Amino acid sequence: MSYALTTLWYERHRYLPGVLAVGFSALLIALQTGLLLGLFSICSIPVDHTSADIWVGSPNVLSVDLGRAIPESFRDRLASQPEIEKTEIFMEGFAYWGKEKGDSELCVVVGSRLEEGSLGLLDNLTPEKRGKLTEPRAIIVDQSDMSRLGIERVGDYAEIGGNRVRVVDTVQGFKSLAGPYVFCSLATARELLRLSPEHTIFILGKCHNPEQAPAVVKRLERYDNMSTFTSEDFSYRTRMQWLLKTKAGIALGVAAALGLLVGAVVTSQTLYAATAASLREYAVLRALGIPRWRMAAAVLAQSFWVGFIGIGLALPVVYLMMVGTDWLGGVKVLLPYWLVGGTAAVTMGMALVSGLAALRSLRLFEPATLLR
């Protein structure tokens, strides 16, 4: 290892392209995957930012924004479970936002109870904002969506589904992917979504212990006229629905494969050229009795250090770009530990495979080459 690292340092101009290629591959994989995770985490905001443990919706519901009306009486099925501490209703659905110029914008109406501790209450709706939502047909939108909706200031009026509404306040960090989120009370949501008094979109449940949620969900699977999920499962289901629907997973895979291919080719050729340029040195080692496997191990050690240094250079850049995209464009890049570890493992594997490919140059030398 020390010999390989010393060689890298004194021949750094030869190995620099390989280091940069590995770094580029790691940067591309981590950044694109993190960007995709951040993008689709927007879709599950109503699930991730509420305190419910269990979600009950229409049969085979695909995501939180594609729920259909279900009888509110289904709430008794959930409330009758011994593990359940509290239940309440929650509404979310698509509606059309009418602008002054006559065109319309698809929006997502989100209605919940406004009392402190409500299961469907989003975590950044302050008591002051909730108080404003108690007004009839009062709504709150994300600050970043105001221009998209044609709203100039708080207090402006708009139209949703033929109903006149008033923007009473704004929030931040709830930018939507499919359509701007519109937050309101249950009474306002029922009116905007045109739901009858005996229907709702979702029923939420809170367990005495969150670890009891999977058992409750499994027990309620016997009802074929409703779907039941834990919050974690429903959040994942919502993100996967949008991932598959938009074919973004295919684009991600192609881009990541391209980054790996470019990195592998450049790294392999860099290591091959560096090894070939040192054939006389390897011939001397061979003449001194050093076995071939020791020299092959040295080449693989060099590929390891190329991968290690490349990843070490890429990760800080990824984190800087994550902060920069969030600050400049409001775009979240999520970098969970498994993504960082997986990126490091994949790119390190690519570097080692490139090292194996570079071993073919060792077949070109013999001690006799020193006599030429």
Protein backbone atom coordinates (compact mmCIF):
# COMPACT_ATOMS: atom_id res chain seq x y z
CA MET A 1 0.00 0.00 0.00
CA SER A 2 2.79 2.46 0.90
CA TYR A 3 4.61 1.69 -2.37
CA ALA A 4 1.42 2.23 -4.38
CA LEU A 5 0.66 5.51 -2.60
CA THR A 6 4.24 6.73 -3.07
CA THR A 7 4.04 5.92 -6.77
CA LEU A 8 0.77 7.82 -7.06
CA TRP A 9 2.33 10.89 -5.47
CA TYR A 10 5.46 11.01 -7.63
CA GLU A 11 3.52 10.14 -10.81
CA ARG A 12 0.46 12.21 -9.93
CA HIS A 13 0.32 13.87 -13.35
CA ARG A 14 -0.29 10.42 -14.85
CA TYR A 15 -2.96 9.36 -12.39
CA LEU A 16 -4.82 12.67 -12.12
CA PRO A 17 -7.23 11.91 -15.03
CA GLY A 18 -8.23 8.66 -13.33
CA VAL A 19 -8.83 10.40 -10.01
CA LEU A 20 -10.97 13.06 -11.71
CA ALA A 21 -12.91 10.38 -13.63
CA VAL A 22 -13.75 8.52 -10.43
CA GLY A 23 -14.72 11.78 -8.75
CA PHE A 24 -16.94 12.74 -11.67
CA SER A 25 -18.72 9.37 -11.56
CA ALA A 26 -19.32 9.62 -7.82
CA LEU A 27 -20.52 13.21 -8.17
CA LEU A 28 -22.93 12.33 -10.98
CA ILE A 29 -24.42 9.30 -9.23
CA ALA A 30 -24.84 10.94 -5.82
CA LEU A 31 -26.11 14.26 -7.10
CA GLN A 32 -28.62 12.86 -9.58
CA THR A 33 -29.97 10.26 -7.18
CA GLY A 34 -30.15 12.80 -4.34
CA LEU A 35 -31.90 15.27 -6.63
CA LEU A 36 -34.44 12.62 -7.62
CA LEU A 37 -35.06 11.68 -3.98
CA GLY A 38 -35.52 15.32 -3.06
CA LEU A 39 -37.82 15.92 -6.00
CA PHE A 40 -40.15 13.05 -5.21
CA SER A 41 -40.10 13.68 -1.47
CA ILE A 42 -42.25 16.70 -2.37
CA CYS A 43 -45.05 14.35 -3.41
CA SER A 44 -45.27 12.76 0.03
CA ILE A 45 -45.17 16.01 2.03
CA PRO A 46 -48.70 15.52 3.48
CA VAL A 47 -47.63 12.10 4.81
CA ASP A 48 -44.13 12.98 6.00
CA HIS A 49 -45.07 16.23 7.77
CA THR A 50 -48.05 14.91 9.75
CA SER A 51 -48.09 12.81 12.92
CA ALA A 52 -50.38 9.92 11.90
CA ASP A 53 -49.13 6.34 12.20
CA ILE A 54 -51.77 4.79 9.93
CA TRP A 55 -53.49 5.94 6.74
CA VAL A 56 -56.79 4.48 5.51
CA GLY A 57 -57.90 5.30 1.96
CA SER A 58 -59.81 4.02 -1.04
CA PRO A 59 -59.11 0.53 -2.43
CA ASN A 60 -55.72 0.22 -4.13
CA VAL A 61 -54.96 3.93 -3.70
CA LEU A 62 -51.65 4.64 -5.45
CA SER A 63 -50.54 7.82 -3.71
CA VAL A 64 -51.70 10.45 -1.24
CA ASP A 65 -52.86 12.80 -4.00
CA LEU A 66 -54.84 10.14 -5.88
CA GLY A 67 -57.26 9.17 -3.12
CA ARG A 68 -60.97 8.75 -3.79
CA ALA A 69 -63.90 9.39 -1.49
CA ILE A 70 -64.63 6.75 1.17
CA PRO A 71 -67.42 6.64 3.77
CA GLU A 72 -66.47 8.38 6.99
CA SER A 73 -68.03 5.41 8.79
CA PHE A 74 -64.85 3.45 8.00
CA ARG A 75 -63.38 5.41 10.87
CA ASP A 76 -65.13 3.04 13.29
CA ARG A 77 -63.14 0.10 11.87
CA LEU A 78 -59.89 1.82 12.73
CA ALA A 79 -61.07 3.20 16.08
CA SER A 80 -62.19 -0.28 17.22
CA GLN A 81 -58.62 -1.60 17.17
CA PRO A 82 -57.16 -1.81 20.69
CA GLU A 83 -53.84 -0.28 19.66
CA ILE A 84 -55.47 2.91 18.33
CA GLU A 85 -55.37 5.98 20.52
CA LYS A 86 -56.95 8.53 18.19
CA THR A 87 -58.54 8.82 14.73
CA GLU A 88 -59.57 11.71 12.51
CA ILE A 89 -60.35 12.47 8.88
CA PHE A 90 -58.09 14.08 6.31
CA MET A 91 -58.79 15.38 2.80
CA GLU A 92 -56.53 15.82 -0.19
CA GLY A 93 -57.42 16.01 -3.85
CA PHE A 94 -56.91 17.83 -7.11
CA ALA A 95 -58.92 20.91 -8.05
CA TYR A 96 -58.67 23.69 -10.62
CA TRP A 97 -57.42 27.11 -9.61
CA GLY A 98 -58.96 29.87 -11.72
CA LYS A 99 -56.83 32.92 -12.55
CA GLU A 100 -57.99 36.44 -13.38
CA LYS A 101 -56.97 36.12 -17.04
CA GLY A 102 -59.28 33.15 -17.48
CA ASP A 103 -56.71 30.34 -17.55
CA SER A 104 -56.53 27.70 -14.84
CA GLU A 105 -53.89 25.84 -12.82
CA LEU A 106 -54.14 22.39 -11.29
CA CYS A 107 -53.71 22.57 -7.51
CA VAL A 108 -53.75 20.11 -4.61
CA VAL A 109 -56.25 20.94 -1.87
CA VAL A 110 -55.17 19.72 1.59
CA GLY A 111 -57.68 19.92 4.41
CA SER A 112 -57.20 18.88 8.04
CA ARG A 113 -58.34 19.64 11.56
CA LEU A 114 -56.71 22.77 12.93
CA GLU A 115 -56.55 21.98 16.65
CA GLU A 116 -53.18 21.54 18.33
CA GLY A 117 -52.15 17.89 18.19
CA SER A 118 -54.32 17.00 15.20
CA LEU A 119 -52.97 14.03 13.26
CA GLY A 120 -53.30 15.66 9.85
CA LEU A 121 -51.92 19.03 10.89
CA LEU A 122 -48.76 19.95 8.98
CA ASP A 123 -45.87 20.69 11.28
CA ASN A 124 -45.17 24.26 10.15
CA LEU A 125 -48.70 25.62 10.42
CA THR A 126 -48.34 27.88 13.47
CA PRO A 127 -51.27 28.67 15.79
CA GLU A 128 -51.53 32.08 14.14
CA LYS A 129 -51.81 30.57 10.67
CA ARG A 130 -54.30 27.96 11.88
CA GLY A 131 -56.42 30.71 13.40
CA LYS A 132 -56.63 32.44 10.03
CA LEU A 133 -57.74 29.21 8.37
CA THR A 134 -60.83 29.05 10.56
CA GLU A 135 -62.36 31.76 8.38
CA PRO A 136 -64.75 30.42 5.70
CA ARG A 137 -62.94 29.63 2.42
CA ALA A 138 -59.57 30.78 3.77
CA ILE A 139 -56.49 29.15 2.28
CA ILE A 140 -52.71 29.18 2.66
CA VAL A 141 -50.24 28.57 -0.18
CA ASP A 142 -46.49 28.20 -0.41
CA GLN A 143 -44.62 31.47 -0.87
CA SER A 144 -42.80 30.14 -3.94
CA ASP A 145 -46.07 29.27 -5.71
CA MET A 146 -47.70 32.71 -5.50
CA SER A 147 -46.55 33.89 -8.93
CA ARG A 148 -47.51 30.54 -10.42
CA LEU A 149 -51.02 30.97 -9.06
CA GLY A 150 -51.27 34.60 -10.08
CA ILE A 151 -51.30 35.87 -6.48
CA GLU A 152 -49.56 39.18 -5.81
CA ARG A 153 -50.02 39.50 -2.06
CA VAL A 154 -51.64 37.96 0.99
CA GLY A 155 -55.30 38.91 1.07
CA ASP A 156 -55.93 38.43 -2.66
CA TYR A 157 -58.94 36.45 -3.80
CA ALA A 158 -58.98 33.54 -6.23
CA GLU A 159 -61.31 30.81 -7.42
CA ILE A 160 -61.03 27.06 -6.84
CA GLY A 161 -63.58 24.79 -8.45
CA GLY A 162 -66.02 27.67 -8.87
CA ASN A 163 -65.67 28.75 -5.21
CA ARG A 164 -64.22 32.12 -4.26
CA VAL A 165 -61.36 31.77 -1.76
CA ARG A 166 -58.99 34.19 -0.03
CA VAL A 167 -55.27 33.73 0.56
CA VAL A 168 -54.82 34.57 4.24
CA ASP A 169 -51.14 33.64 4.66
CA THR A 170 -48.22 31.72 3.17
CA VAL A 171 -45.81 28.97 4.22
CA GLN A 172 -42.34 27.99 3.02
CA GLY A 173 -40.84 24.64 2.11
CA PHE A 174 -44.03 23.05 0.74
CA LYS A 175 -43.49 23.50 -2.97
CA SER A 176 -45.40 20.87 -4.94
CA LEU A 177 -44.47 18.72 -7.93
CA ALA A 178 -47.87 18.02 -9.48
CA GLY A 179 -49.62 21.27 -8.57
CA PRO A 180 -49.33 23.96 -5.87
CA TYR A 181 -50.50 22.88 -2.43
CA VAL A 182 -53.52 24.73 -1.03
CA PHE A 183 -53.91 24.28 2.74
CA CYS A 184 -57.25 24.86 4.41
CA SER A 185 -59.68 23.60 7.04
CA LEU A 186 -61.79 20.47 6.66
CA ALA A 187 -64.93 22.51 6.02
CA THR A 188 -63.25 24.49 3.24
CA ALA A 189 -61.68 21.36 1.72
CA ARG A 190 -65.01 19.55 1.69
CA GLU A 191 -66.53 22.45 -0.23
CA LEU A 192 -63.66 22.83 -2.68
CA LEU A 193 -63.47 19.09 -3.38
CA ARG A 194 -67.26 18.79 -3.49
CA LEU A 195 -67.45 16.00 -0.94
CA SER A 196 -70.71 14.99 0.71
CA PRO A 197 -70.90 15.30 4.53
CA GLU A 198 -70.67 11.54 5.04
CA HIS A 199 -67.51 11.08 2.95
CA THR A 200 -63.83 11.83 3.34
CA ILE A 201 -60.63 11.05 1.41
CA PHE A 202 -58.47 9.56 4.18
CA ILE A 203 -58.81 8.41 7.76
CA LEU A 204 -55.79 8.81 10.00
CA GLY A 205 -54.92 6.82 13.08
CA LYS A 206 -52.51 7.27 15.98
CA CYS A 207 -51.29 4.22 17.92
CA HIS A 208 -50.34 4.11 21.58
CA ASN A 209 -46.97 2.90 20.32
CA PRO A 210 -45.92 3.57 16.68
CA GLU A 211 -44.42 0.08 16.53
CA GLN A 212 -47.96 -1.34 16.76
CA ALA A 213 -48.97 0.19 13.41
CA PRO A 214 -47.92 -2.77 11.16
CA ALA A 215 -50.03 -5.20 13.22
CA VAL A 216 -53.08 -2.95 12.91
CA VAL A 217 -52.54 -2.59 9.16
CA LYS A 218 -52.29 -6.34 8.69
CA ARG A 219 -55.49 -6.88 10.68
CA LEU A 220 -57.42 -4.36 8.58
CA GLU A 221 -56.32 -5.90 5.28
CA ARG A 222 -59.40 -8.14 5.42
CA TYR A 223 -61.53 -5.22 4.25
CA ASP A 224 -61.45 -5.17 0.45
CA ASN A 225 -63.28 -1.83 0.13
CA MET A 226 -60.46 0.20 1.68
CA SER A 227 -56.66 0.29 1.80
CA THR A 228 -54.59 0.59 4.97
CA PHE A 229 -50.93 1.59 5.24
CA THR A 230 -48.40 2.65 7.81
CA SER A 231 -47.15 6.20 7.27
CA GLU A 232 -43.75 4.95 6.12
CA ASP A 233 -45.26 2.53 3.59
CA PHE A 234 -47.69 5.10 2.25
CA SER A 235 -44.93 7.68 1.85
CA TYR A 236 -42.81 5.17 -0.06
CA ARG A 237 -45.79 4.11 -2.18
CA THR A 238 -46.49 7.73 -3.10
CA ARG A 239 -42.90 8.40 -4.15
CA MET A 240 -42.66 5.21 -6.17
CA GLN A 241 -45.90 6.01 -7.97
CA TRP A 242 -44.49 9.31 -9.20
CA LEU A 243 -41.10 7.77 -9.94
CA LEU A 244 -42.62 5.10 -12.19
CA LYS A 245 -45.25 7.37 -13.66
CA THR A 246 -42.75 9.96 -14.86
CA LYS A 247 -40.17 7.36 -16.03
CA ALA A 248 -37.60 9.31 -14.04
CA GLY A 249 -36.08 6.07 -12.82
CA ILE A 250 -35.11 5.13 -16.37
CA ALA A 251 -33.49 8.51 -16.95
CA LEU A 252 -31.63 8.20 -13.66
CA GLY A 253 -30.37 4.72 -14.53
CA VAL A 254 -29.15 5.78 -17.97
CA ALA A 255 -27.36 8.85 -16.60
CA ALA A 256 -25.75 6.88 -13.77
CA ALA A 257 -24.68 4.11 -16.16
CA LEU A 258 -23.19 6.72 -18.50
CA GLY A 259 -21.25 8.27 -15.64
CA LEU A 260 -19.95 4.87 -14.58
CA LEU A 261 -19.00 3.99 -18.16
CA VAL A 262 -17.09 7.22 -18.70
CA GLY A 263 -15.37 6.86 -15.34
CA ALA A 264 -14.48 3.22 -15.95
CA VAL A 265 -13.03 3.85 -19.41
CA VAL A 266 -10.97 6.87 -18.37
CA THR A 267 -9.75 5.24 -15.15
CA SER A 268 -8.88 1.98 -16.92
CA GLN A 269 -6.94 3.75 -19.65
CA THR A 270 -5.19 5.96 -17.10
CA LEU A 271 -4.05 2.99 -15.02
CA TYR A 272 -3.11 1.04 -18.13
CA ALA A 273 -1.02 3.89 -19.51
CA ALA A 274 0.64 4.53 -16.15
CA THR A 275 1.46 0.83 -15.75
CA ALA A 276 2.75 0.55 -19.32
CA ALA A 277 4.95 3.61 -18.79
CA SER A 278 6.55 1.86 -15.82
CA LEU A 279 7.33 -1.43 -17.59
CA ARG A 280 11.09 -1.05 -17.16
CA GLU A 281 10.64 -0.53 -13.42
CA TYR A 282 8.46 -3.63 -13.22
CA ALA A 283 11.04 -5.53 -15.27
CA VAL A 284 13.70 -4.58 -12.72
CA LEU A 285 11.47 -5.82 -9.90
CA ARG A 286 10.89 -9.05 -11.80
CA ALA A 287 14.65 -9.49 -12.35
CA LEU A 288 15.14 -9.07 -8.61
CA GLY A 289 12.80 -11.98 -8.02
CA ILE A 290 9.60 -10.12 -7.11
CA PRO A 291 6.68 -12.39 -8.11
CA ARG A 292 4.10 -11.17 -10.62
CA TRP A 293 1.29 -11.38 -8.09
CA ARG A 294 3.05 -8.82 -5.90
CA MET A 295 3.25 -6.40 -8.81
CA ALA A 296 -0.37 -7.09 -9.74
CA ALA A 297 -1.29 -6.34 -6.14
CA ALA A 298 0.58 -3.03 -6.41
CA VAL A 299 -1.45 -2.07 -9.49
CA LEU A 300 -4.68 -2.96 -7.70
CA ALA A 301 -3.54 -0.95 -4.68
CA GLN A 302 -3.00 2.01 -6.99
CA SER A 303 -6.53 1.61 -8.36
CA PHE A 304 -7.83 1.50 -4.78
CA TRP A 305 -6.11 4.76 -3.91
CA VAL A 306 -7.31 6.36 -7.16
CA GLY A 307 -10.86 5.41 -6.21
CA PHE A 308 -10.45 6.50 -2.59
CA ILE A 309 -9.01 9.91 -3.48
CA GLY A 310 -11.60 10.46 -6.22
CA ILE A 311 -14.47 9.70 -3.86
CA GLY A 312 -12.90 11.86 -1.17
CA LEU A 313 -12.79 14.79 -3.58
CA ALA A 314 -16.32 14.24 -4.89
CA LEU A 315 -18.31 13.99 -1.67
CA PRO A 316 -17.53 17.51 -0.33
CA VAL A 317 -18.46 18.92 -3.74
CA VAL A 318 -21.75 17.01 -3.63
CA TYR A 319 -22.60 18.46 -0.21
CA LEU A 320 -21.69 21.97 -1.36
CA MET A 321 -23.92 21.57 -4.42
CA MET A 322 -26.69 20.24 -2.20
CA VAL A 323 -26.57 23.40 -0.08
CA GLY A 324 -26.24 25.60 -3.15
CA THR A 325 -29.24 24.18 -5.01
CA ASP A 326 -31.40 24.52 -1.91
CA TRP A 327 -30.29 28.10 -1.28
CA LEU A 328 -30.38 29.36 -4.86
CA GLY A 329 -33.25 27.45 -6.43
CA GLY A 330 -35.17 25.96 -3.54
CA VAL A 331 -34.45 22.46 -4.91
CA LYS A 332 -33.79 19.85 -2.25
CA VAL A 333 -31.09 17.23 -2.74
CA LEU A 334 -31.39 14.38 -0.24
CA LEU A 335 -28.23 12.48 0.67
CA PRO A 336 -29.16 9.71 3.11
CA TYR A 337 -26.34 7.59 4.51
CA TRP A 338 -27.24 4.60 2.32
CA LEU A 339 -26.93 6.74 -0.82
CA VAL A 340 -23.50 8.07 0.17
CA GLY A 341 -22.33 4.57 1.08
CA GLY A 342 -23.78 3.04 -2.06
CA THR A 343 -22.17 5.68 -4.27
CA ALA A 344 -18.80 5.11 -2.63
CA ALA A 345 -19.13 1.32 -3.02
CA VAL A 346 -20.16 1.49 -6.68
CA THR A 347 -17.43 3.91 -7.70
CA MET A 348 -14.80 2.05 -5.70
CA GLY A 349 -15.87 -1.16 -7.42
CA MET A 350 -15.52 0.61 -10.76
CA ALA A 351 -11.99 1.73 -9.86
CA LEU A 352 -10.95 -1.80 -8.84
CA VAL A 353 -12.42 -3.29 -12.02
CA SER A 354 -10.45 -0.68 -13.96
CA GLY A 355 -7.35 -1.81 -12.10
CA LEU A 356 -8.01 -5.40 -13.12
CA ALA A 357 -8.32 -4.28 -16.72
CA ALA A 358 -4.99 -2.46 -16.43
CA LEU A 359 -3.23 -5.69 -15.38
CA ARG A 360 -3.11 -6.76 -19.02
CA SER A 361 -0.15 -4.43 -19.51
CA LEU A 362 1.91 -6.54 -17.08
CA ARG A 363 1.95 -9.34 -19.63
CA LEU A 364 4.06 -7.16 -21.92
CA PHE A 365 7.26 -7.14 -19.87
CA GLU A 366 10.06 -9.60 -19.18
CA PRO A 367 13.45 -9.01 -17.53
CA ALA A 368 15.01 -9.37 -21.00
CA THR A 369 13.53 -6.00 -21.96
CA LEU A 370 16.25 -4.40 -19.82
CA LEU A 371 18.86 -5.57 -22.35
CA ARG A 372 17.25 -3.74 -25.27
